[in-house]
N, C-alpha and C. Protein backbone atom coordinates (compact mmCIF):
# COMPACT_ATOMS: atom_id res chain seq x y z
N MET A 1 -271.73 -52.35 11.25
CA MET A 1 -271.92 -52.70 9.98
C MET A 1 -271.16 -54.10 9.41
N LEU A 2 -271.76 -54.93 8.55
CA LEU A 2 -271.15 -55.96 7.74
C LEU A 2 -270.78 -55.66 6.45
N ALA A 3 -269.37 -55.67 6.18
CA ALA A 3 -269.28 -55.70 5.01
C ALA A 3 -268.29 -56.85 4.10
N VAL A 4 -268.40 -57.13 3.14
CA VAL A 4 -267.48 -58.20 2.18
C VAL A 4 -266.34 -57.60 1.31
N LYS A 5 -265.02 -57.53 2.04
CA LYS A 5 -263.99 -56.81 1.42
C LYS A 5 -263.09 -57.87 0.16
N THR A 6 -262.51 -57.68 -0.55
CA THR A 6 -261.60 -58.46 -1.12
C THR A 6 -260.00 -58.20 -0.85
N ILE A 7 -259.11 -59.05 -0.65
CA ILE A 7 -257.92 -58.70 -0.01
C ILE A 7 -256.93 -58.38 -1.35
N GLY A 8 -256.30 -57.32 -1.63
CA GLY A 8 -255.87 -57.17 -3.27
C GLY A 8 -254.42 -57.94 -3.07
N LYS A 9 -253.86 -57.95 -4.15
CA LYS A 9 -252.60 -58.94 -4.57
C LYS A 9 -251.59 -58.85 -3.60
N SER A 10 -251.41 -57.54 -3.29
CA SER A 10 -250.34 -56.81 -1.93
C SER A 10 -250.62 -57.05 -0.87
N GLY A 11 -252.06 -57.89 -0.04
CA GLY A 11 -252.40 -58.41 0.52
C GLY A 11 -253.33 -57.26 1.47
N GLN A 12 -253.44 -56.29 0.91
CA GLN A 12 -254.46 -55.07 1.78
C GLN A 12 -255.87 -55.10 1.42
N ILE A 13 -256.10 -54.73 2.39
CA ILE A 13 -258.01 -54.12 2.11
C ILE A 13 -257.94 -52.83 2.83
N ALA A 14 -259.22 -52.44 1.87
CA ALA A 14 -259.80 -51.33 2.18
C ALA A 14 -260.65 -50.89 3.00
N LEU A 15 -260.13 -50.09 4.17
CA LEU A 15 -261.44 -49.57 5.25
C LEU A 15 -262.34 -48.38 4.82
N GLY A 16 -262.08 -47.40 3.96
CA GLY A 16 -262.82 -46.49 3.83
C GLY A 16 -261.82 -45.22 4.24
N LYS A 17 -262.16 -44.51 3.61
CA LYS A 17 -261.40 -42.91 3.47
C LYS A 17 -261.47 -42.24 4.92
N GLU A 18 -262.67 -42.51 5.51
CA GLU A 18 -262.79 -42.27 7.19
C GLU A 18 -261.68 -42.50 8.18
N PHE A 19 -261.15 -43.90 7.78
CA PHE A 19 -260.24 -44.38 8.74
C PHE A 19 -258.67 -44.30 8.05
N ALA A 20 -258.74 -43.29 6.80
CA ALA A 20 -257.54 -42.85 6.13
C ALA A 20 -256.64 -42.05 7.29
N GLY A 21 -254.95 -42.68 7.60
CA GLY A 21 -253.99 -42.22 8.32
C GLY A 21 -253.96 -42.64 9.54
N LYS A 22 -255.25 -43.11 10.24
CA LYS A 22 -255.23 -43.38 11.24
C LYS A 22 -254.64 -45.06 11.83
N GLN A 23 -254.49 -45.63 12.99
CA GLN A 23 -253.87 -46.44 13.58
C GLN A 23 -254.52 -47.56 14.30
N VAL A 24 -254.61 -48.35 13.50
CA VAL A 24 -255.55 -49.75 13.53
C VAL A 24 -254.79 -50.92 14.44
N LEU A 25 -255.56 -51.77 15.46
CA LEU A 25 -254.35 -52.55 15.96
C LEU A 25 -255.54 -54.35 15.25
N VAL A 26 -254.71 -55.14 15.01
CA VAL A 26 -254.83 -55.86 13.95
C VAL A 26 -254.52 -57.24 14.69
N ASP A 27 -255.62 -57.89 15.59
CA ASP A 27 -255.58 -58.98 16.03
C ASP A 27 -256.22 -60.29 15.35
N ARG A 28 -255.06 -61.26 15.17
CA ARG A 28 -255.24 -62.43 14.40
C ARG A 28 -255.76 -63.55 15.53
N VAL A 29 -257.07 -63.45 15.93
CA VAL A 29 -257.60 -64.50 16.56
C VAL A 29 -257.51 -66.07 16.59
N GLU A 30 -257.47 -66.40 15.19
CA GLU A 30 -257.08 -67.80 14.83
C GLU A 30 -257.21 -67.49 13.16
N PRO A 31 -256.41 -68.52 12.53
CA PRO A 31 -256.27 -68.45 10.77
C PRO A 31 -257.68 -67.93 10.56
N GLY A 32 -257.70 -67.12 9.61
CA GLY A 32 -258.69 -66.72 9.12
C GLY A 32 -259.56 -65.53 9.88
N VAL A 33 -259.37 -65.31 10.85
CA VAL A 33 -260.17 -64.68 11.78
C VAL A 33 -259.55 -63.50 12.19
N TRP A 34 -259.57 -62.09 11.93
CA TRP A 34 -258.59 -60.76 12.52
C TRP A 34 -259.86 -59.93 13.05
N VAL A 35 -259.60 -59.58 14.30
CA VAL A 35 -260.73 -58.27 14.94
C VAL A 35 -259.57 -57.02 14.25
N VAL A 36 -260.23 -56.15 14.26
CA VAL A 36 -259.55 -54.55 13.84
C VAL A 36 -260.31 -53.94 14.57
N LYS A 37 -259.14 -53.20 15.74
CA LYS A 37 -259.76 -51.96 16.29
C LYS A 37 -259.02 -50.87 15.94
N VAL A 38 -259.56 -49.41 15.93
CA VAL A 38 -258.80 -48.17 15.68
C VAL A 38 -258.55 -47.17 16.98
N GLY A 39 -257.42 -47.16 17.09
CA GLY A 39 -257.10 -46.20 18.12
C GLY A 39 -255.79 -45.76 18.28
N GLU A 40 -255.20 -45.26 18.85
CA GLU A 40 -254.16 -44.45 19.45
C GLU A 40 -253.38 -45.74 20.27
N PHE A 41 -251.95 -45.71 19.50
CA PHE A 41 -251.04 -46.89 20.47
C PHE A 41 -250.09 -46.06 20.83
N VAL A 42 -249.45 -46.92 21.97
CA VAL A 42 -248.44 -45.89 22.46
C VAL A 42 -247.00 -46.73 22.15
N PRO A 43 -246.04 -45.97 21.80
CA PRO A 43 -244.62 -46.85 21.14
C PRO A 43 -243.80 -47.03 22.28
N ASP A 44 -243.35 -48.25 22.34
CA ASP A 44 -242.66 -48.73 23.38
C ASP A 44 -241.95 -47.86 24.44
N SER A 45 -241.29 -46.63 23.06
CA SER A 45 -240.14 -45.85 23.82
C SER A 45 -241.04 -44.97 24.94
N GLU A 46 -242.43 -45.00 24.49
CA GLU A 46 -243.20 -43.49 25.67
C GLU A 46 -243.70 -44.46 26.59
N ARG A 47 -243.92 -45.74 26.67
CA ARG A 47 -244.99 -46.20 27.58
C ARG A 47 -244.78 -46.31 28.90
N TRP A 48 -243.42 -45.98 29.19
CA TRP A 48 -243.36 -45.38 30.93
C TRP A 48 -243.73 -44.01 31.16
N LEU A 49 -244.17 -43.48 30.39
CA LEU A 49 -244.95 -42.08 30.70
C LEU A 49 -246.40 -42.57 31.27
N PHE A 50 -246.95 -43.74 31.21
CA PHE A 50 -247.93 -44.46 31.21
C PHE A 50 -248.29 -45.11 32.76
N HIS A 51 -246.91 -45.05 32.77
CA HIS A 51 -246.43 -46.08 34.67
C HIS A 51 -247.62 -45.43 35.70
N ASP A 52 -248.16 -46.23 36.48
CA ASP A 52 -248.80 -45.09 38.01
C ASP A 52 -247.84 -44.50 38.49
N SER A 53 -246.91 -45.25 38.43
CA SER A 53 -245.32 -44.31 39.40
C SER A 53 -244.94 -43.17 38.99
N VAL A 54 -245.37 -42.72 37.35
CA VAL A 54 -244.85 -41.77 36.92
C VAL A 54 -246.06 -40.85 37.13
N SER A 55 -247.22 -40.86 36.65
CA SER A 55 -248.30 -40.55 36.45
C SER A 55 -248.46 -39.08 37.54
N GLY A 56 -248.07 -39.64 38.86
CA GLY A 56 -248.14 -38.41 39.74
C GLY A 56 -247.16 -37.39 39.41
N ASP A 57 -245.51 -37.55 39.54
CA ASP A 57 -244.47 -36.81 39.25
C ASP A 57 -245.17 -36.06 37.72
N LEU A 58 -245.24 -36.25 36.54
CA LEU A 58 -246.26 -36.04 35.48
C LEU A 58 -246.97 -34.80 35.73
N ASP A 59 -248.18 -35.43 36.81
CA ASP A 59 -249.26 -34.53 37.10
C ASP A 59 -248.45 -33.25 37.68
N GLU A 60 -247.59 -33.41 38.78
CA GLU A 60 -247.23 -32.39 39.81
C GLU A 60 -246.22 -31.25 38.77
N ALA A 61 -245.41 -32.04 37.94
CA ALA A 61 -244.54 -31.27 36.69
C ALA A 61 -245.58 -30.01 35.83
N ILE A 62 -246.43 -30.89 35.59
CA ILE A 62 -247.39 -29.80 34.40
C ILE A 62 -248.06 -29.02 35.41
N ARG A 63 -248.47 -28.80 36.87
CA ARG A 63 -249.06 -28.34 37.72
C ARG A 63 -248.23 -26.98 37.48
N TRP A 64 -246.61 -27.37 38.18
CA TRP A 64 -246.12 -26.47 38.31
C TRP A 64 -245.77 -25.86 37.08
N ALA A 65 -245.86 -26.21 36.00
CA ALA A 65 -245.47 -25.68 34.41
C ALA A 65 -246.38 -24.64 34.35
N GLU A 66 -247.30 -25.02 34.63
CA GLU A 66 -249.08 -24.11 34.40
C GLU A 66 -248.92 -22.95 35.19
N THR A 67 -248.34 -22.98 36.29
CA THR A 67 -248.21 -21.61 37.15
C THR A 67 -247.06 -20.89 37.37
N ASN A 68 -246.07 -21.59 36.63
CA ASN A 68 -244.85 -20.56 37.05
C ASN A 68 -244.04 -20.19 35.32
N ALA A 69 -244.18 -18.86 35.19
CA ALA A 69 -243.49 -18.45 33.85
C ALA A 69 -242.51 -19.15 33.41
N PRO A 70 -242.20 -19.22 32.10
CA PRO A 70 -240.70 -19.32 32.00
C PRO A 70 -239.49 -18.31 32.21
N GLN A 71 -238.56 -18.34 32.65
CA GLN A 71 -237.62 -17.57 33.00
C GLN A 71 -236.28 -17.97 31.88
N GLU A 72 -235.24 -17.05 31.73
CA GLU A 72 -233.94 -17.03 31.08
C GLU A 72 -232.77 -17.62 31.90
N THR A 73 -232.31 -18.66 31.74
CA THR A 73 -231.38 -19.28 32.53
C THR A 73 -230.01 -18.25 32.42
N ASN A 74 -229.41 -18.32 33.41
CA ASN A 74 -228.19 -17.76 33.29
C ASN A 74 -227.05 -18.96 33.33
N LEU A 75 -226.50 -19.41 32.15
CA LEU A 75 -225.98 -21.12 32.19
C LEU A 75 -224.45 -20.63 32.91
N GLU A 76 -223.62 -19.57 32.75
CA GLU A 76 -222.54 -19.58 33.97
C GLU A 76 -222.85 -19.86 35.36
N ALA A 77 -223.86 -19.16 35.69
CA ALA A 77 -224.30 -19.51 37.10
C ALA A 77 -224.65 -20.76 37.32
N LEU A 78 -225.31 -21.55 36.49
CA LEU A 78 -226.17 -22.83 36.39
C LEU A 78 -224.70 -23.78 36.64
N GLU A 79 -223.67 -23.37 35.74
CA GLU A 79 -222.66 -24.09 35.75
C GLU A 79 -221.49 -24.09 36.90
N ALA A 80 -221.40 -23.07 37.58
CA ALA A 80 -221.05 -22.81 38.79
C ALA A 80 -221.60 -23.66 39.67
N GLU A 81 -223.12 -23.61 39.96
CA GLU A 81 -223.85 -24.14 40.87
C GLU A 81 -223.60 -25.56 40.58
N GLY A 82 -223.55 -26.21 39.70
CA GLY A 82 -223.14 -27.91 39.39
C GLY A 82 -221.59 -27.96 39.53
N ALA A 83 -220.98 -27.33 39.64
CA ALA A 83 -219.30 -27.41 40.14
C ALA A 83 -219.05 -27.53 40.89
N GLY A 84 -220.07 -26.74 41.92
CA GLY A 84 -219.65 -26.63 43.32
C GLY A 84 -220.37 -27.95 44.27
N ARG A 85 -220.87 -29.13 43.41
CA ARG A 85 -221.58 -30.02 43.86
C ARG A 85 -220.30 -31.08 43.89
C-alpha cells in the first residue's frame, strides 16, 4: 500500500489506528528516506536473555519449573544452610 502523509507541526505522522500502541523501528536510510517496521523490540537491559549461552539454561529452568510444583520455603533452615558455607 502506498500512501501520502503530511508531517504535522509537532513532527508526527499518523499510521492508522491498527498500529496504535505498537512499537515501530524507524530507520533513517538517508536524509528524507525512512523505513518503518512494526515489531517487538527488546530493551537493552533484557537483551542478555536472548544470547545463545543463556538460552539452554533458560530452557532447562523452564522445563524444571513445569514439572516441579512450588513449595513453601523454610527461611530459617535456608539461612542456617547458607551460614554453614
